[in-house]
């Protein structure tokens, strides 16, 4: 379970203080499929970065499976992130000149997974996204939708409990976006908690729960 309490995150803009997150509290239960919506600058990506252990709030609490994340040292935070969380980004973040299976195996290089096991797990992840027959192609030989599927395979290769996706359909056409969202729904049915940041109401409608952020505050939560 994810639980954040009274998160404050500020940035200095000249002499002014900008509140990216302003007293945000939120609980996401295991197995939820959640959309975090809002316009550019609303604070949704800032929240996602904190949930993904990529950033810390100025104040507040964050618990991931009852672990007090903000109390951890950087090395332990990195281990928690690699074990528990998978990331999917709008720009795919693949190494274009490397093969698909290499891209999928990347997270496992950080936890010293044996080579044979890496290949087994990469094959399993690629099969889950329907790309097992593309593993020997270079990333730049694939379509945009296929590249995003590779990114999703990389996100799930370590069997995370949570997948965080930041505008995962932003670079895709509407038909491809639909297929990617259906894939997220399938992964969610297997028990993975999926949190998707999007400005697109149609994409958000695929999720069982929708949260809207404006000016760093949660102004709507369909669960409440």
Protein backbone atom coordinates (compact mmCIF):
# COMPACT_ATOMS: atom_id res chain seq x y z
CA UNK A 1 0.00 0.00 0.00
CA UNK A 2 1.05 3.59 -0.73
CA UNK A 3 0.33 6.26 1.84
CA UNK A 4 1.43 9.89 1.79
CA UNK A 5 0.57 12.43 4.45
CA UNK A 6 0.70 16.24 4.22
CA UNK A 7 3.29 16.43 1.46
CA UNK A 8 4.79 19.85 0.83
CA UNK A 9 7.16 20.41 -2.08
CA UNK A 10 8.32 23.89 -3.03
CA UNK A 11 10.61 25.46 -5.60
CA UNK A 12 12.07 28.94 -5.71
CA UNK A 13 11.06 31.04 -8.70
CA UNK A 14 13.16 34.14 -8.36
CA UNK A 15 12.10 35.69 -5.06
CA UNK A 16 8.84 33.75 -4.97
CA UNK A 17 8.11 30.32 -3.52
CA UNK A 18 6.15 27.99 -5.80
CA UNK A 19 4.18 25.17 -4.18
CA UNK A 20 4.40 22.14 -6.49
CA UNK A 21 2.60 20.10 -3.80
CA UNK A 22 0.58 21.81 -1.11
CA UNK A 23 -0.44 19.56 1.82
CA UNK A 24 -1.19 16.45 -0.27
CA UNK A 25 -2.46 13.33 1.52
CA UNK A 26 -3.34 10.17 -0.36
CA UNK A 27 -3.69 6.40 0.07
CA UNK A 28 -3.51 3.91 -2.80
CA UNK A 29 -4.43 0.34 -1.94
CA UNK A 30 -2.70 -2.67 -3.46
CA UNK A 31 -4.09 -3.57 -6.88
CA UNK A 32 -5.63 -0.21 -7.75
CA UNK A 33 -5.53 1.33 -11.25
CA UNK A 34 -5.30 5.07 -10.71
CA UNK A 35 -5.12 8.10 -12.98
CA UNK A 36 -3.60 11.32 -11.66
CA UNK A 37 -4.91 14.12 -13.85
CA UNK A 38 -4.22 17.81 -14.20
CA UNK A 39 -2.88 20.47 -16.50
CA UNK A 40 0.81 21.17 -17.01
CA UNK A 41 2.36 22.49 -13.79
CA UNK A 42 -0.43 21.16 -11.58
CA UNK A 43 1.97 19.00 -9.55
CA UNK A 44 1.14 15.53 -10.86
CA UNK A 45 4.65 14.65 -12.11
CA UNK A 46 6.17 16.00 -8.89
CA UNK A 47 3.90 13.66 -6.94
CA UNK A 48 4.82 10.75 -9.20
CA UNK A 49 8.54 11.41 -8.72
CA UNK A 50 8.08 11.33 -4.95
CA UNK A 51 6.02 8.12 -5.13
CA UNK A 52 8.78 6.65 -7.30
CA UNK A 53 11.48 7.50 -4.75
CA UNK A 54 13.18 9.80 -7.24
CA UNK A 55 12.60 12.90 -5.12
CA UNK A 56 11.71 13.82 -1.54
CA UNK A 57 9.18 16.27 -0.21
CA UNK A 58 10.18 19.26 1.92
CA UNK A 59 7.91 17.89 4.61
CA UNK A 60 5.33 15.17 5.13
CA UNK A 61 5.41 11.38 5.24
CA UNK A 62 5.59 8.62 2.63
CA UNK A 63 5.02 4.96 3.45
CA UNK A 64 5.43 2.21 0.86
CA UNK A 65 4.31 -1.18 2.19
CA UNK A 66 4.72 0.22 5.72
CA UNK A 67 8.30 1.36 5.06
CA UNK A 68 8.99 4.98 6.03
CA UNK A 69 10.60 5.98 2.73
CA UNK A 70 11.85 9.42 3.76
CA UNK A 71 13.79 7.92 6.67
CA UNK A 72 15.90 5.68 4.41
CA UNK A 73 19.44 6.39 3.31
CA UNK A 74 19.95 6.90 -0.43
CA UNK A 75 21.36 3.40 -0.97
CA UNK A 76 18.39 1.74 0.71
CA UNK A 77 15.98 4.00 -1.16
CA UNK A 78 17.57 2.91 -4.44
CA UNK A 79 17.20 -0.77 -3.50
CA UNK A 80 13.56 -0.26 -2.53
CA UNK A 81 12.89 1.55 -5.81
CA UNK A 82 14.51 -1.16 -7.93
CA UNK A 83 12.65 -3.94 -6.11
CA UNK A 84 9.19 -2.44 -5.67
CA UNK A 85 8.68 0.10 -8.46
CA UNK A 86 8.67 0.04 -12.26
CA UNK A 87 8.70 3.21 -14.37
CA UNK A 88 7.21 3.97 -17.78
CA UNK A 89 7.98 7.35 -19.35
CA UNK A 90 6.53 9.28 -22.27
CA UNK A 91 9.77 9.23 -24.28
CA UNK A 92 10.32 5.47 -23.70
CA UNK A 93 13.93 6.10 -22.51
CA UNK A 94 15.34 3.16 -24.47
CA UNK A 95 18.91 2.78 -25.70
CA UNK A 96 18.21 2.90 -29.41
CA UNK A 97 21.27 1.04 -30.69
CA UNK A 98 20.85 -1.83 -28.23
CA UNK A 99 18.65 -4.87 -28.69
CA UNK A 100 15.20 -5.07 -27.17
CA UNK A 101 16.13 -7.76 -24.65
CA UNK A 102 19.13 -5.71 -23.45
CA UNK A 103 16.84 -2.74 -22.79
CA UNK A 104 14.45 -4.92 -20.81
CA UNK A 105 17.27 -6.41 -18.74
CA UNK A 106 18.72 -3.02 -17.70
CA UNK A 107 17.14 -2.85 -14.20
CA UNK A 108 18.63 -6.25 -13.37
CA UNK A 109 22.18 -5.03 -13.95
CA UNK A 110 21.79 -2.93 -10.78
CA UNK A 111 20.97 -5.86 -8.50
CA UNK A 112 23.51 -8.38 -9.81
CA UNK A 113 20.95 -10.83 -11.20
CA UNK A 114 22.75 -13.82 -12.79
CA UNK A 115 22.90 -13.61 -16.60
CA UNK A 116 20.83 -16.73 -17.25
CA UNK A 117 18.09 -15.56 -14.91
CA UNK A 118 18.13 -12.13 -16.56
CA UNK A 119 17.34 -13.66 -19.94
CA UNK A 120 14.56 -15.82 -18.49
CA UNK A 121 12.95 -12.85 -16.76
CA UNK A 122 13.33 -10.63 -19.84
CA UNK A 123 11.66 -13.26 -22.03
CA UNK A 124 8.79 -13.51 -19.53
CA UNK A 125 8.31 -9.73 -19.47
CA UNK A 126 8.41 -9.47 -23.26
CA UNK A 127 5.86 -12.25 -23.55
CA UNK A 128 3.59 -10.36 -21.15
CA UNK A 129 3.58 -7.36 -23.50
CA UNK A 130 3.33 -9.41 -26.68
CA UNK A 131 6.83 -8.75 -28.01
CA UNK A 132 8.67 -12.02 -27.40
CA UNK A 133 9.38 -12.29 -31.14
CA UNK A 134 11.08 -8.86 -31.25
CA UNK A 135 13.77 -9.38 -28.63
CA UNK A 136 16.71 -9.47 -31.05
CA UNK A 137 15.77 -6.29 -32.90
CA UNK A 138 17.35 -2.98 -32.01
CA UNK A 139 15.07 -0.58 -30.18
CA UNK A 140 15.15 1.97 -33.01
CA UNK A 141 13.73 -0.60 -35.43
CA UNK A 142 10.39 -0.69 -33.61
CA UNK A 143 7.26 1.44 -33.92
CA UNK A 144 6.30 3.90 -31.20
CA UNK A 145 3.75 1.51 -29.73
CA UNK A 146 6.24 -1.35 -29.72
CA UNK A 147 8.85 0.86 -28.07
CA UNK A 148 6.42 1.73 -25.30
CA UNK A 149 5.67 -1.97 -24.83
CA UNK A 150 9.40 -2.58 -24.43
CA UNK A 151 9.47 0.18 -21.80
CA UNK A 152 6.58 -1.52 -19.99
CA UNK A 153 8.38 -4.88 -20.16
CA UNK A 154 11.43 -3.23 -18.60
CA UNK A 155 9.18 -1.75 -15.89
CA UNK A 156 7.76 -5.14 -14.90
CA UNK A 157 10.87 -7.31 -15.35
CA UNK A 158 11.69 -7.26 -11.62
CA UNK A 159 8.10 -8.15 -10.66
CA UNK A 160 7.40 -4.80 -8.96
CA UNK A 161 4.31 -4.28 -6.84
CA UNK A 162 3.82 -0.80 -8.34
CA UNK A 163 4.15 0.57 -11.88
CA UNK A 164 4.28 4.36 -12.29
CA UNK A 165 3.65 5.79 -15.76
CA UNK A 166 4.23 9.46 -16.61
CA UNK A 167 2.17 10.45 -19.70
CA UNK A 168 2.81 6.99 -21.22
CA UNK A 169 0.61 7.67 -24.26
CA UNK A 170 1.72 11.25 -24.85
CA UNK A 171 3.86 10.38 -27.89
CA UNK A 172 1.40 7.88 -29.40
CA UNK A 173 -1.59 8.10 -31.73
CA UNK A 174 -5.06 7.37 -30.35
CA UNK A 175 -5.31 3.78 -31.58
CA UNK A 176 -1.90 2.86 -30.18
CA UNK A 177 -2.73 4.68 -26.95
CA UNK A 178 -5.81 2.49 -26.53
CA UNK A 179 -3.76 -0.69 -26.92
CA UNK A 180 -1.22 0.54 -24.35
CA UNK A 181 -3.99 1.33 -21.87
CA UNK A 182 -5.52 -2.12 -22.41
CA UNK A 183 -2.10 -3.56 -21.62
CA UNK A 184 -1.94 -1.58 -18.37
CA UNK A 185 -5.39 -2.93 -17.49
CA UNK A 186 -4.19 -6.50 -18.10
CA UNK A 187 -1.15 -5.97 -15.88
CA UNK A 188 -3.40 -4.50 -13.22
CA UNK A 189 -5.62 -7.59 -13.34
CA UNK A 190 -2.52 -9.62 -12.46
CA UNK A 191 -2.24 -7.70 -9.20
CA UNK A 192 0.14 -4.85 -10.07
CA UNK A 193 -0.79 -1.43 -8.70
CA UNK A 194 -0.70 0.99 -11.64
CA UNK A 195 -0.61 4.79 -11.27
CA UNK A 196 -0.76 6.81 -14.49
CA UNK A 197 -0.15 10.55 -14.80
CA UNK A 198 -2.06 12.03 -17.72
CA UNK A 199 -3.63 15.29 -18.89
CA UNK A 200 -5.93 13.29 -21.21
CA UNK A 201 -9.42 12.65 -19.80
CA UNK A 202 -9.98 9.79 -22.26
CA UNK A 203 -6.85 7.99 -21.06
CA UNK A 204 -7.88 8.61 -17.45
CA UNK A 205 -11.26 6.96 -18.13
CA UNK A 206 -9.52 3.58 -18.48
CA UNK A 207 -8.65 3.73 -14.78
CA UNK A 208 -10.91 2.65 -11.93
CA UNK A 209 -9.99 5.71 -9.88
CA UNK A 210 -9.31 9.25 -10.99
CA UNK A 211 -7.55 11.91 -8.95
CA UNK A 212 -7.28 15.51 -10.13
CA UNK A 213 -4.56 17.91 -8.99
CA UNK A 214 -4.66 21.67 -9.41
CA UNK A 215 -2.09 24.14 -8.07
CA UNK A 216 -0.46 21.40 -6.02
CA UNK A 217 -3.66 20.34 -4.28
CA UNK A 218 -5.95 17.33 -4.78
CA UNK A 219 -9.29 18.83 -5.80
CA UNK A 220 -11.08 15.62 -6.81
CA UNK A 221 -10.80 11.93 -5.97
CA UNK A 222 -13.41 9.59 -7.46
CA UNK A 223 -12.86 7.16 -4.59
CA UNK A 224 -14.19 9.63 -2.04
